[in-house]
PDB file of N, CA and C in Angstrom:
ATOM      1  N   MET A   1     -38.429 -22.070 -51.506  1.00  0.00           N
ATOM      2  CA  MET A   1     -37.533 -23.007 -50.879  1.00  0.00           C
ATOM      3  C   MET A   1     -36.598 -22.261 -49.934  1.00  0.00           C
ATOM      4  N   ALA A   2     -36.337 -22.906 -48.851  1.00  0.00           N
ATOM      5  CA  ALA A   2     -35.455 -22.309 -47.854  1.00  0.00           C
ATOM      6  C   ALA A   2     -34.003 -22.608 -48.203  1.00  0.00           C
ATOM      7  N   ASP A   3     -33.159 -21.649 -47.918  1.00  0.00           N
ATOM      8  CA  ASP A   3     -31.732 -21.872 -48.121  1.00  0.00           C
ATOM      9  C   ASP A   3     -31.179 -22.663 -46.944  1.00  0.00           C
ATOM     10  N   ILE A   4     -30.352 -23.632 -47.259  1.00  0.00           N
ATOM     11  CA  ILE A   4     -29.740 -24.467 -46.217  1.00  0.00           C
ATOM     12  C   ILE A   4     -28.286 -24.058 -46.077  1.00  0.00           C
ATOM     13  N   ASP A   5     -27.889 -23.778 -44.855  1.00  0.00           N
ATOM     14  CA  ASP A   5     -26.497 -23.451 -44.571  1.00  0.00           C
ATOM     15  C   ASP A   5     -25.737 -24.763 -44.358  1.00  0.00           C
ATOM     16  N   PHE A   6     -25.042 -25.215 -45.395  1.00  0.00           N
ATOM     17  CA  PHE A   6     -24.364 -26.504 -45.327  1.00  0.00           C
ATOM     18  C   PHE A   6     -23.153 -26.500 -44.399  1.00  0.00           C
ATOM     19  N   ASP A   7     -22.687 -25.338 -43.996  1.00  0.00           N
ATOM     20  CA  ASP A   7     -21.568 -25.279 -43.061  1.00  0.00           C
ATOM     21  C   ASP A   7     -21.956 -25.811 -41.689  1.00  0.00           C
ATOM     22  N   GLN A   8     -23.234 -25.795 -41.382  1.00  0.00           N
ATOM     23  CA  GLN A   8     -23.682 -26.261 -40.069  1.00  0.00           C
ATOM     24  C   GLN A   8     -23.873 -27.766 -40.021  1.00  0.00           C
ATOM     25  N   ILE A   9     -23.888 -28.428 -41.164  1.00  0.00           N
ATOM     26  CA  ILE A   9     -24.115 -29.872 -41.202  1.00  0.00           C
ATOM     27  C   ILE A   9     -22.804 -30.588 -40.909  1.00  0.00           C
ATOM     28  N   THR A  10     -22.852 -31.482 -39.952  1.00  0.00           N
ATOM     29  CA  THR A  10     -21.668 -32.272 -39.611  1.00  0.00           C
ATOM     30  C   THR A  10     -22.031 -33.745 -39.614  1.00  0.00           C
ATOM     31  N   THR A  11     -21.030 -34.570 -39.732  1.00  0.00           N
ATOM     32  CA  THR A  11     -21.229 -36.013 -39.671  1.00  0.00           C
ATOM     33  C   THR A  11     -21.508 -36.404 -38.233  1.00  0.00           C
ATOM     34  N   PRO A  12     -22.508 -37.250 -37.990  1.00  0.00           N
ATOM     35  CA  PRO A  12     -22.789 -37.662 -36.608  1.00  0.00           C
ATOM     36  C   PRO A  12     -21.560 -38.313 -35.977  1.00  0.00           C
ATOM     37  N   GLY A  13     -21.219 -37.850 -34.810  1.00  0.00           N
ATOM     38  CA  GLY A  13     -20.078 -38.407 -34.094  1.00  0.00           C
ATOM     39  C   GLY A  13     -18.746 -37.829 -34.530  1.00  0.00           C
ATOM     40  N   ALA A  14     -18.762 -36.940 -35.511  1.00  0.00           N
ATOM     41  CA  ALA A  14     -17.513 -36.364 -35.987  1.00  0.00           C
ATOM     42  C   ALA A  14     -16.967 -35.388 -34.954  1.00  0.00           C
ATOM     43  N   TYR A  15     -15.669 -35.235 -34.959  1.00  0.00           N
ATOM     44  CA  TYR A  15     -15.008 -34.310 -34.049  1.00  0.00           C
ATOM     45  C   TYR A  15     -15.228 -32.893 -34.554  1.00  0.00           C
ATOM     46  N   ASP A  16     -15.809 -32.061 -33.733  1.00  0.00           N
ATOM     47  CA  ASP A  16     -16.071 -30.682 -34.105  1.00  0.00           C
ATOM     48  C   ASP A  16     -15.647 -29.791 -32.942  1.00  0.00           C
ATOM     49  N   PRO A  17     -14.417 -29.264 -32.966  1.00  0.00           N
ATOM     50  CA  PRO A  17     -13.966 -28.451 -31.839  1.00  0.00           C
ATOM     51  C   PRO A  17     -14.769 -27.164 -31.715  1.00  0.00           C
ATOM     52  N   ALA A  18     -14.794 -26.636 -30.529  1.00  0.00           N
ATOM     53  CA  ALA A  18     -15.524 -25.399 -30.268  1.00  0.00           C
ATOM     54  C   ALA A  18     -14.887 -24.253 -31.058  1.00  0.00           C
ATOM     55  N   PRO A  19     -15.714 -23.304 -31.526  1.00  0.00           N
ATOM     56  CA  PRO A  19     -15.159 -22.162 -32.258  1.00  0.00           C
ATOM     57  C   PRO A  19     -14.167 -21.397 -31.389  1.00  0.00           C
ATOM     58  N   GLY A  20     -13.033 -21.080 -31.963  1.00  0.00           N
ATOM     59  CA  GLY A  20     -12.021 -20.331 -31.237  1.00  0.00           C
ATOM     60  C   GLY A  20     -11.179 -21.175 -30.298  1.00  0.00           C
ATOM     61  N   ALA A  21     -11.404 -22.484 -30.272  1.00  0.00           N
ATOM     62  CA  ALA A  21     -10.637 -23.349 -29.371  1.00  0.00           C
ATOM     63  C   ALA A  21      -9.231 -23.550 -29.920  1.00  0.00           C
ATOM     64  N   ASP A  22      -8.305 -23.815 -29.014  1.00  0.00           N
ATOM     65  CA  ASP A  22      -6.925 -24.096 -29.398  1.00  0.00           C
ATOM     66  C   ASP A  22      -6.864 -25.518 -29.952  1.00  0.00           C
ATOM     67  N   LYS A  23      -6.813 -25.635 -31.269  1.00  0.00           N
ATOM     68  CA  LYS A  23      -6.875 -26.943 -31.907  1.00  0.00           C
ATOM     69  C   LYS A  23      -5.600 -27.749 -31.710  1.00  0.00           C
ATOM     70  N   SER A  24      -4.482 -27.091 -31.429  1.00  0.00           N
ATOM     71  CA  SER A  24      -3.241 -27.831 -31.215  1.00  0.00           C
ATOM     72  C   SER A  24      -3.311 -28.660 -29.938  1.00  0.00           C
ATOM     73  N   ALA A  25      -4.115 -28.228 -28.967  1.00  0.00           N
ATOM     74  CA  ALA A  25      -4.270 -29.011 -27.735  1.00  0.00           C
ATOM     75  C   ALA A  25      -4.970 -30.330 -28.031  1.00  0.00           C
ATOM     76  N   TYR A  26      -5.948 -30.292 -28.934  1.00  0.00           N
ATOM     77  CA  TYR A  26      -6.628 -31.529 -29.313  1.00  0.00           C
ATOM     78  C   TYR A  26      -5.674 -32.449 -30.065  1.00  0.00           C
ATOM     79  N   ALA A  27      -4.856 -31.882 -30.935  1.00  0.00           N
ATOM     80  CA  ALA A  27      -3.878 -32.683 -31.668  1.00  0.00           C
ATOM     81  C   ALA A  27      -2.895 -33.314 -30.702  1.00  0.00           C
ATOM     82  N   SER A  28      -2.521 -32.563 -29.670  1.00  0.00           N
ATOM     83  CA  SER A  28      -1.595 -33.093 -28.676  1.00  0.00           C
ATOM     84  C   SER A  28      -2.206 -34.274 -27.938  1.00  0.00           C
ATOM     85  N   ALA A  29      -3.492 -34.186 -27.607  1.00  0.00           N
ATOM     86  CA  ALA A  29      -4.156 -35.294 -26.913  1.00  0.00           C
ATOM     87  C   ALA A  29      -4.248 -36.525 -27.809  1.00  0.00           C
ATOM     88  N   ILE A  30      -4.576 -36.317 -29.072  1.00  0.00           N
ATOM     89  CA  ILE A  30      -4.649 -37.435 -30.012  1.00  0.00           C
ATOM     90  C   ILE A  30      -3.261 -38.026 -30.224  1.00  0.00           C
ATOM     91  N   GLU A  31      -2.258 -37.154 -30.306  1.00  0.00           N
ATOM     92  CA  GLU A  31      -0.880 -37.619 -30.471  1.00  0.00           C
ATOM     93  C   GLU A  31      -0.464 -38.505 -29.310  1.00  0.00           C
ATOM     94  N   LYS A  32      -0.777 -38.071 -28.095  1.00  0.00           N
ATOM     95  CA  LYS A  32      -0.414 -38.864 -26.919  1.00  0.00           C
ATOM     96  C   LYS A  32      -1.112 -40.213 -26.930  1.00  0.00           C
ATOM     97  N   LEU A  33      -2.371 -40.227 -27.329  1.00  0.00           N
ATOM     98  CA  LEU A  33      -3.113 -41.484 -27.398  1.00  0.00           C
ATOM     99  C   LEU A  33      -2.475 -42.438 -28.405  1.00  0.00           C
ATOM    100  N   ILE A  34      -2.199 -41.955 -29.608  1.00  0.00           N
ATOM    101  CA  ILE A  34      -1.603 -42.801 -30.642  1.00  0.00           C
ATOM    102  C   ILE A  34      -0.219 -43.271 -30.219  1.00  0.00           C
ATOM    103  N   SER A  35       0.587 -42.371 -29.668  1.00  0.00           N
ATOM    104  CA  SER A  35       1.926 -42.742 -29.219  1.00  0.00           C
ATOM    105  C   SER A  35       1.863 -43.794 -28.125  1.00  0.00           C
ATOM    106  N   ASN A  36       0.950 -43.618 -27.167  1.00  0.00           N
ATOM    107  CA  ASN A  36       0.827 -44.588 -26.084  1.00  0.00           C
ATOM    108  C   ASN A  36       0.370 -45.946 -26.593  1.00  0.00           C
ATOM    109  N   VAL A  37      -0.547 -45.958 -27.547  1.00  0.00           N
ATOM    110  CA  VAL A  37      -1.004 -47.232 -28.115  1.00  0.00           C
ATOM    111  C   VAL A  37       0.154 -47.935 -28.818  1.00  0.00           C
ATOM    112  N   LEU A  38       0.944 -47.188 -29.600  1.00  0.00           N
ATOM    113  CA  LEU A  38       2.091 -47.788 -30.279  1.00  0.00           C
ATOM    114  C   LEU A  38       3.113 -48.324 -29.288  1.00  0.00           C
ATOM    115  N   VAL A  39       3.364 -47.584 -28.225  1.00  0.00           N
ATOM    116  CA  VAL A  39       4.318 -48.031 -27.209  1.00  0.00           C
ATOM    117  C   VAL A  39       3.821 -49.299 -26.531  1.00  0.00           C
ATOM    118  N   VAL A  40       2.549 -49.324 -26.157  1.00  0.00           N
ATOM    119  CA  VAL A  40       1.994 -50.503 -25.485  1.00  0.00           C
ATOM    120  C   VAL A  40       2.053 -51.721 -26.401  1.00  0.00           C
ATOM    121  N   LEU A  41       1.686 -51.552 -27.660  1.00  0.00           N
ATOM    122  CA  LEU A  41       1.732 -52.678 -28.594  1.00  0.00           C
ATOM    123  C   LEU A  41       3.158 -53.182 -28.801  1.00  0.00           C
ATOM    124  N   THR A  42       4.117 -52.275 -28.859  1.00  0.00           N
ATOM    125  CA  THR A  42       5.512 -52.679 -29.006  1.00  0.00           C
ATOM    126  C   THR A  42       5.996 -53.430 -27.772  1.00  0.00           C
ATOM    127  N   ILE A  43       5.627 -52.948 -26.590  1.00  0.00           N
ATOM    128  CA  ILE A  43       6.023 -53.623 -25.354  1.00  0.00           C
ATOM    129  C   ILE A  43       5.388 -55.002 -25.271  1.00  0.00           C
ATOM    130  N   VAL A  44       4.112 -55.101 -25.624  1.00  0.00           N
ATOM    131  CA  VAL A  44       3.430 -56.404 -25.605  1.00  0.00           C
ATOM    132  C   VAL A  44       4.113 -57.369 -26.572  1.00  0.00           C
ATOM    133  N   ALA A  45       4.486 -56.889 -27.752  1.00  0.00           N
ATOM    134  CA  ALA A  45       5.173 -57.744 -28.724  1.00  0.00           C
ATOM    135  C   ALA A  45       6.530 -58.200 -28.188  1.00  0.00           C
ATOM    136  N   GLY A  46       7.259 -57.302 -27.540  1.00  0.00           N
ATOM    137  CA  GLY A  46       8.555 -57.669 -26.963  1.00  0.00           C
ATOM    138  C   GLY A  46       8.421 -58.681 -25.841  1.00  0.00           C
ATOM    139  N   ILE A  47       7.446 -58.475 -24.970  1.00  0.00           N
ATOM    140  CA  ILE A  47       7.222 -59.421 -23.867  1.00  0.00           C
ATOM    141  C   ILE A  47       6.780 -60.774 -24.410  1.00  0.00           C
ATOM    142  N   ALA A  48       5.923 -60.768 -25.426  1.00  0.00           N
ATOM    143  CA  ALA A  48       5.481 -62.031 -26.030  1.00  0.00           C
ATOM    144  C   ALA A  48       6.667 -62.776 -26.631  1.00  0.00           C
ATOM    145  N   PHE A  49       7.570 -62.048 -27.293  1.00  0.00           N
ATOM    146  CA  PHE A  49       8.764 -62.686 -27.851  1.00  0.00           C
ATOM    147  C   PHE A  49       9.602 -63.322 -26.754  1.00  0.00           C
ATOM    148  N   ILE A  50       9.841 -62.580 -25.685  1.00  0.00           N
ATOM    149  CA  ILE A  50      10.656 -63.107 -24.584  1.00  0.00           C
ATOM    150  C   ILE A  50      10.004 -64.343 -23.976  1.00  0.00           C
ATOM    151  N   LEU A  51       8.696 -64.279 -23.735  1.00  0.00           N
ATOM    152  CA  LEU A  51       7.999 -65.427 -23.148  1.00  0.00           C
ATOM    153  C   LEU A  51       8.031 -66.641 -24.067  1.00  0.00           C
ATOM    154  N   TYR A  52       7.745 -66.444 -25.338  1.00  0.00           N
ATOM    155  CA  TYR A  52       7.789 -67.560 -26.285  1.00  0.00           C
ATOM    156  C   TYR A  52       9.185 -68.168 -26.332  1.00  0.00           C
ATOM    157  N   PHE A  53      10.196 -67.306 -26.371  1.00  0.00           N
ATOM    158  CA  PHE A  53      11.566 -67.800 -26.453  1.00  0.00           C
ATOM    159  C   PHE A  53      11.962 -68.542 -25.179  1.00  0.00           C
ATOM    160  N   LEU A  54      11.617 -67.990 -24.012  1.00  0.00           N
ATOM    161  CA  LEU A  54      11.952 -68.659 -22.749  1.00  0.00           C
ATOM    162  C   LEU A  54      11.205 -69.976 -22.582  1.00  0.00           C
ATOM    163  N   ILE A  55       9.920 -69.967 -22.860  1.00  0.00           N
ATOM    164  CA  ILE A  55       9.139 -71.200 -22.718  1.00  0.00           C
ATOM    165  C   ILE A  55       9.630 -72.245 -23.716  1.00  0.00           C
ATOM    166  N   GLY A  56       9.931 -71.816 -24.933  1.00  0.00           N
ATOM    167  CA  GLY A  56      10.485 -72.742 -25.925  1.00  0.00           C
ATOM    168  C   GLY A  56      11.822 -73.304 -25.488  1.00  0.00           C
ATOM    169  N   GLY A  57      12.668 -72.447 -24.932  1.00  0.00           N
ATOM    170  CA  GLY A  57      13.972 -72.910 -24.444  1.00  0.00           C
ATOM    171  C   GLY A  57      13.840 -73.887 -23.290  1.00  0.00           C
ATOM    172  N   LEU A  58      12.959 -73.574 -22.351  1.00  0.00           N
ATOM    173  CA  LEU A  58      12.751 -74.483 -21.214  1.00  0.00           C
ATOM    174  C   LEU A  58      12.139 -75.808 -21.668  1.00  0.00           C
ATOM    175  N   THR A  59      11.243 -75.743 -22.625  1.00  0.00           N
ATOM    176  CA  THR A  59      10.650 -76.973 -23.156  1.00  0.00           C
ATOM    177  C   THR A  59      11.717 -77.820 -23.841  1.00  0.00           C
ATOM    178  N   TRP A  60      12.613 -77.183 -24.551  1.00  0.00           N
ATOM    179  CA  TRP A  60      13.690 -77.904 -25.226  1.00  0.00           C
ATOM    180  C   TRP A  60      14.621 -78.553 -24.203  1.00  0.00           C
ATOM    181  N   ILE A  61      14.962 -77.789 -23.163  1.00  0.00           N
ATOM    182  CA  ILE A  61      15.864 -78.321 -22.128  1.00  0.00           C
ATOM    183  C   ILE A  61      15.239 -79.511 -21.421  1.00  0.00           C
ATOM    184  N   THR A  62      13.948 -79.419 -21.135  1.00  0.00           N
ATOM    185  CA  THR A  62      13.282 -80.490 -20.379  1.00  0.00           C
ATOM    186  C   THR A  62      12.694 -81.579 -21.276  1.00  0.00           C
ATOM    187  N   ALA A  63      12.958 -81.521 -22.579  1.00  0.00           N
ATOM    188  CA  ALA A  63      12.387 -82.500 -23.503  1.00  0.00           C
ATOM    189  C   ALA A  63      12.942 -83.900 -23.274  1.00  0.00           C
ATOM    190  N   GLY A  64      14.134 -83.988 -22.770  1.00  0.00           N
ATOM    191  CA  GLY A  64      14.721 -85.299 -22.499  1.00  0.00           C
ATOM    192  C   GLY A  64      14.935 -86.123 -23.758  1.00  0.00           C
ATOM    193  N   GLY A  65      15.182 -85.482 -24.867  1.00  0.00           N
ATOM    194  CA  GLY A  65      15.458 -86.201 -26.103  1.00  0.00           C
ATOM    195  C   GLY A  65      14.225 -86.629 -26.875  1.00  0.00           C
ATOM    196  N   GLN A  66      13.046 -86.303 -26.394  1.00  0.00           N
ATOM    197  CA  GLN A  66      11.816 -86.666 -27.114  1.00  0.00           C
ATOM    198  C   GLN A  66      11.655 -85.749 -28.327  1.00  0.00           C
ATOM    199  N   LYS A  67      11.598 -86.366 -29.495  1.00  0.00           N
ATOM    200  CA  LYS A  67      11.582 -85.607 -30.751  1.00  0.00           C
ATOM    201  C   LYS A  67      10.390 -84.652 -30.848  1.00  0.00           C
ATOM    202  N   ASP A  68       9.209 -85.093 -30.420  1.00  0.00           N
ATOM    203  CA  ASP A  68       8.026 -84.240 -30.552  1.00  0.00           C
ATOM    204  C   ASP A  68       8.119 -82.999 -29.671  1.00  0.00           C
ATOM    205  N   LYS A  69       8.672 -83.146 -28.460  1.00  0.00           N
ATOM    206  CA  LYS A  69       8.821 -81.986 -27.576  1.00  0.00           C
ATOM    207  C   LYS A  69       9.896 -81.034 -28.095  1.00  0.00           C
ATOM    208  N   VAL A  70      10.975 -81.594 -28.640  1.00  0.00           N
ATOM    209  CA  VAL A  70      12.035 -80.751 -29.194  1.00  0.00           C
ATOM    210  C   VAL A  70      11.497 -79.965 -30.393  1.00  0.00           C
ATOM    211  N   GLU A  71      10.748 -80.636 -31.255  1.00  0.00           N
ATOM    212  CA  GLU A  71      10.168 -79.948 -32.415  1.00  0.00           C
ATOM    213  C   GLU A  71       9.173 -78.870 -31.981  1.00  0.00           C
ATOM    214  N   SER A  72       8.387 -79.163 -30.946  1.00  0.00           N
ATOM    215  CA  SER A  72       7.444 -78.176 -30.415  1.00  0.00           C
ATOM    216  C   SER A  72       8.191 -76.961 -29.864  1.00  0.00           C
ATOM    217  N   ALA A  73       9.294 -77.216 -29.159  1.00  0.00           N
ATOM    218  CA  ALA A  73      10.091 -76.123 -28.598  1.00  0.00           C
ATOM    219  C   ALA A  73      10.715 -75.285 -29.710  1.00  0.00           C
ATOM    220  N   LYS A  74      11.245 -75.951 -30.733  1.00  0.00           N
ATOM    221  CA  LYS A  74      11.831 -75.219 -31.865  1.00  0.00           C
ATOM    222  C   LYS A  74      10.771 -74.358 -32.556  1.00  0.00           C
ATOM    223  N   ALA A  75       9.582 -74.931 -32.733  1.00  0.00           N
ATOM    224  CA  ALA A  75       8.500 -74.184 -33.381  1.00  0.00           C
ATOM    225  C   ALA A  75       8.101 -72.971 -32.553  1.00  0.00           C
ATOM    226  N   MET A  76       8.054 -73.129 -31.230  1.00  0.00           N
ATOM    227  CA  MET A  76       7.677 -72.015 -30.365  1.00  0.00           C
ATOM    228  C   MET A  76       8.718 -70.902 -30.441  1.00  0.00           C
ATOM    229  N   MET A  77       9.989 -71.262 -30.418  1.00  0.00           N
ATOM    230  CA  MET A  77      11.047 -70.258 -30.501  1.00  0.00           C
ATOM    231  C   MET A  77      11.046 -69.581 -31.872  1.00  0.00           C
ATOM    232  N   THR A  78      10.812 -70.371 -32.914  1.00  0.00           N
ATOM    233  CA  THR A  78      10.757 -69.812 -34.260  1.00  0.00           C
ATOM    234  C   THR A  78       9.579 -68.852 -34.401  1.00  0.00           C
ATOM    235  N   ASN A  79       8.425 -69.238 -33.875  1.00  0.00           N
ATOM    236  CA  ASN A  79       7.246 -68.365 -33.946  1.00  0.00           C
ATOM    237  C   ASN A  79       7.468 -67.060 -33.191  1.00  0.00           C
ATOM    238  N   GLY A  80       8.133 -67.126 -32.044  1.00  0.00           N
ATOM    239  CA  GLY A  80       8.446 -65.908 -31.299  1.00  0.00           C
ATOM    240  C   GLY A  80       9.352 -64.981 -32.088  1.00  0.00           C
ATOM    241  N   ALA A  81      10.379 -65.557 -32.722  1.00  0.00           N
ATOM    242  CA  ALA A  81      11.301 -64.753 -33.527  1.00  0.00           C
ATOM    243  C   ALA A  81      10.592 -64.167 -34.746  1.00  0.00           C
ATOM    244  N   ILE A  82       9.732 -64.962 -35.384  1.00  0.00           N
ATOM    245  CA  ILE A  82       8.982 -64.465 -36.547  1.00  0.00           C
ATOM    246  C   ILE A  82       8.067 -63.309 -36.139  1.00  0.00           C
ATOM    247  N   GLY A  83       7.426 -63.421 -34.989  1.00  0.00           N
ATOM    248  CA  GLY A  83       6.569 -62.343 -34.499  1.00  0.00           C
ATOM    249  C   GLY A  83       7.338 -61.056 -34.277  1.00  0.00           C
ATOM    250  N   LEU A  84       8.532 -61.175 -33.693  1.00  0.00           N
ATOM    251  CA  LEU A  84       9.359 -59.989 -33.465  1.00  0.00           C
ATOM    252  C   LEU A  84       9.801 -59.374 -34.792  1.00  0.00           C
ATOM    253  N   ILE A  85      10.148 -60.220 -35.744  1.00  0.00           N
ATOM    254  CA  ILE A  85      10.542 -59.729 -37.066  1.00  0.00           C
ATOM    255  C   ILE A  85       9.367 -59.026 -37.743  1.00  0.00           C
ATOM    256  N   ILE A  86       8.163 -59.573 -37.599  1.00  0.00           N
ATOM    257  CA  ILE A  86       6.976 -58.946 -38.196  1.00  0.00           C
ATOM    258  C   ILE A  86       6.752 -57.554 -37.615  1.00  0.00           C
ATOM    259  N   VAL A  87       6.926 -57.410 -36.306  1.00  0.00           N
ATOM    260  CA  VAL A  87       6.757 -56.090 -35.676  1.00  0.00           C
ATOM    261  C   VAL A  87       7.789 -55.107 -36.224  1.00  0.00           C
ATOM    262  N   ALA A  88       9.059 -55.545 -36.319  1.00  0.00           N
ATOM    263  CA  ALA A  88      10.112 -54.663 -36.821  1.00  0.00           C
ATOM    264  C   ALA A  88       9.869 -54.290 -38.284  1.00  0.00           C
ATOM    265  N   VAL A  89       9.488 -55.274 -39.095  1.00  0.00           N
ATOM    266  CA  VAL A  89       9.243 -55.012 -40.513  1.00  0.00           C
ATOM    267  C   VAL A  89       8.022 -54.107 -40.694  1.00  0.00           C
ATOM    268  N   SER A  90       7.011 -54.269 -39.844  1.00  0.00           N
ATOM    269  CA  SER A  90       5.823 -53.417 -39.973  1.00  0.00           C
ATOM    270  C   SER A  90       6.170 -51.953 -39.708  1.00  0.00           C
ATOM    271  N   TYR A  91       7.038 -51.696 -38.722  1.00  0.00           N
ATOM    272  CA  TYR A  91       7.484 -50.319 -38.495  1.00  0.00           C
ATOM    273  C   TYR A  91       8.218 -49.793 -39.724  1.00  0.00           C
ATOM    274  N   MET A  92       9.069 -50.642 -40.315  1.00  0.00           N
ATOM    275  CA  MET A  92       9.823 -50.227 -41.485  1.00  0.00           C
ATOM    276  C   MET A  92       8.884 -49.937 -42.662  1.00  0.00           C
ATOM    277  N   VAL A  93       7.890 -50.788 -42.878  1.00  0.00           N
ATOM    278  CA  VAL A  93       6.942 -50.594 -43.978  1.00  0.00           C
ATOM    279  C   VAL A  93       6.143 -49.309 -43.774  1.00  0.00           C
ATOM    280  N   VAL A  94       5.682 -49.072 -42.554  1.00  0.00           N
ATOM    281  CA  VAL A  94       4.931 -47.842 -42.269  1.00  0.00           C
ATOM    282  C   VAL A  94       5.808 -46.623 -42.519  1.00  0.00           C
ATOM    283  N   TRP A  95       7.073 -46.693 -42.130  1.00  0.00           N
ATOM    284  CA  TRP A  95       7.992 -45.580 -42.348  1.00  0.00           C
ATOM    285  C   TRP A  95       8.198 -45.340 -43.841  1.00  0.00           C
ATOM    286  N   ILE A  96       8.408 -46.435 -44.616  1.00  0.00           N
ATOM    287  CA  ILE A  96       8.635 -46.305 -46.058  1.00  0.00           C
ATOM    288  C   ILE A  96       7.390 -45.752 -46.754  1.00  0.00           C
ATOM    289  N   VAL A  97       6.217 -46.270 -46.399  1.00  0.00           N
ATOM    290  CA  VAL A  97       4.969 -45.776 -46.996  1.00  0.00           C
ATOM    291  C   VAL A  97       4.773 -44.302 -46.651  1.00  0.00           C
ATOM    292  N   GLY A  98       5.063 -43.942 -45.410  1.00  0.00           N
ATOM    293  CA  GLY A  98       4.946 -42.542 -45.008  1.00  0.00           C
ATOM    294  C   GLY A  98       5.869 -41.639 -45.801  1.00  0.00           C
ATOM    295  N   LYS A  99       7.104 -42.079 -45.998  1.00  0.00           N
ATOM    296  CA  LYS A  99       8.056 -41.277 -46.781  1.00  0.00           C
ATOM    297  C   LYS A  99       7.624 -41.186 -48.238  1.00  0.00           C
ATOM    298  N   ALA A 100       7.110 -42.299 -48.782  1.00  0.00           N
ATOM    299  CA  ALA A 100       6.677 -42.300 -50.183  1.00  0.00           C
ATOM    300  C   ALA A 100       5.485 -41.370 -50.397  1.00  0.00           C
ATOM    301  N   LEU A 101       4.600 -41.294 -49.409  1.00  0.00           N
ATOM    302  CA  LEU A 101       3.415 -40.437 -49.520  1.00  0.00           C
ATOM    303  C   LEU A 101       3.652 -39.028 -48.993  1.00  0.00           C
ATOM    304  N   GLY A 102       4.838 -38.798 -48.426  1.00  0.00           N
ATOM    305  CA  GLY A 102       5.139 -37.487 -47.876  1.00  0.00           C
ATOM    306  C   GLY A 102       4.503 -37.242 -46.522  1.00  0.00           C
ATOM    307  N   LEU A 103       4.167 -38.310 -45.805  1.00  0.00           N
ATOM    308  CA  LEU A 103       3.549 -38.202 -44.484  1.00  0.00           C
ATOM    309  C   LEU A 103       4.508 -38.727 -43.428  1.00  0.00           C
ATOM    310  N   ASN A 104       4.472 -38.118 -42.270  1.00  0.00           N
ATOM    311  CA  ASN A 104       5.306 -38.580 -41.167  1.00  0.00           C
ATOM    312  C   ASN A 104       4.409 -39.335 -40.193  1.00  0.00           C
ATOM    313  N   ILE A 105       4.052 -40.558 -40.545  1.00  0.00           N
ATOM    314  CA  ILE A 105       3.064 -41.332 -39.801  1.00  0.00           C
ATOM    315  C   ILE A 105       3.567 -41.726 -38.416  1.00  0.00           C
ATOM    316  N   LEU A 106       4.854 -41.998 -38.284  1.00  0.00           N
ATOM    317  CA  LEU A 106       5.383 -42.459 -37.001  1.00  0.00           C
ATOM    318  C   LEU A 106       5.583 -41.326 -36.002  1.00  0.00           C
ATOM    319  N   GLU A 107       5.404 -40.096 -36.437  1.00  0.00           N
ATOM    320  CA  GLU A 107       5.394 -38.964 -35.510  1.00  0.00           C
ATOM    321  C   GLU A 107       3.991 -38.373 -35.571  1.00  0.00           C
ATOM    322  N   PRO A 108       3.107 -38.850 -34.699  1.00  0.00           N
ATOM    323  CA  PRO A 108       1.684 -38.507 -34.804  1.00  0.00           C
ATOM    324  C   PRO A 108       1.377 -37.016 -34.770  1.00  0.00           C
ATOM    325  N   ALA A 109       2.135 -36.221 -34.024  1.00  0.00           N
ATOM    326  CA  ALA A 109       1.820 -34.792 -33.918  1.00  0.00           C
ATOM    327  C   ALA A 109       1.917 -34.117 -35.277  1.00  0.00           C
ATOM    328  N   GLU A 110       3.006 -34.356 -35.979  1.00  0.00           N
ATOM    329  CA  GLU A 110       3.172 -33.744 -37.291  1.00  0.00           C
ATOM    330  C   GLU A 110       2.128 -34.276 -38.266  1.00  0.00           C
ATOM    331  N   PHE A 111       1.861 -35.576 -38.185  1.00  0.00           N
ATOM    332  CA  PHE A 111       0.880 -36.196 -39.083  1.00  0.00           C
ATOM    333  C   PHE A 111      -0.510 -35.617 -38.843  1.00  0.00           C
ATOM    334  N   ILE A 112      -0.916 -35.525 -37.585  1.00  0.00           N
ATOM    335  CA  ILE A 112      -2.254 -35.024 -37.253  1.00  0.00           C
ATOM    336  C   ILE A 112      -2.390 -33.554 -37.628  1.00  0.00           C
ATOM    337  N   ASN A 113      -1.383 -32.761 -37.302  1.00  0.00           N
ATOM    338  CA  ASN A 113      -1.452 -31.337 -37.626  1.00  0.00           C
ATOM    339  C   ASN A 113      -1.485 -31.100 -39.131  1.00  0.00           C
ATOM    340  N   SER A 114      -0.764 -31.918 -39.891  1.00  0.00           N
ATOM    341  CA  SER A 114      -0.753 -31.727 -41.339  1.00  0.00           C
ATOM    342  C   SER A 114      -2.055 -32.187 -41.983  1.00  0.00           C
ATOM    343  N   MET A 115      -2.730 -33.161 -41.381  1.00  0.00           N
ATOM    344  CA  MET A 115      -3.938 -33.713 -41.985  1.00  0.00           C
ATOM    345  C   MET A 115      -5.216 -33.015 -41.517  1.00  0.00           C
ATOM    346  N   THR A 116      -5.258 -32.543 -40.282  1.00  0.00           N
ATOM    347  CA  THR A 116      -6.515 -32.120 -39.689  1.00  0.00           C
ATOM    348  C   THR A 116      -6.606 -30.627 -39.433  1.00  0.00           C
ATOM    349  N   PHE A 117      -5.585 -30.038 -38.869  1.00  0.00           N
ATOM    350  CA  PHE A 117      -5.705 -28.686 -38.329  1.00  0.00           C
ATOM    351  C   PHE A 117      -4.874 -27.685 -39.113  1.00  0.00           C
ATOM    352  N   LYS A 118      -5.294 -27.373 -40.311  1.00  0.00           N
ATOM    353  CA  LYS A 118      -4.567 -26.372 -41.090  1.00  0.00           C
ATOM    354  C   LYS A 118      -5.222 -25.031 -40.956  1.00  0.00           C
TER     355      LYS A 118
END
């Protein structure tokens, strides 16, 4: 039977940096990607809140006393506020879980370096 060198076996599609490569550069690229995704999602959530709140407010102003339009406007404003609260609470939950597990999830560079490139 032939001996198999299991060190050469990798998972298909897995990240395998070149031997001798500066692995911190890869962590930096991944960090930037994760940070940018988080920033974009936060901005989208903020813009969605503003739009929902403005459209709800304008609908309420132009409702002319019609109960169904006023209720629709209130619901839209409430949904926008709930969405913003969900985003804020999700950051808090991720931070608490990270602290409980000893991981700094909201700072991707430290998280990636501690998990991948030791």
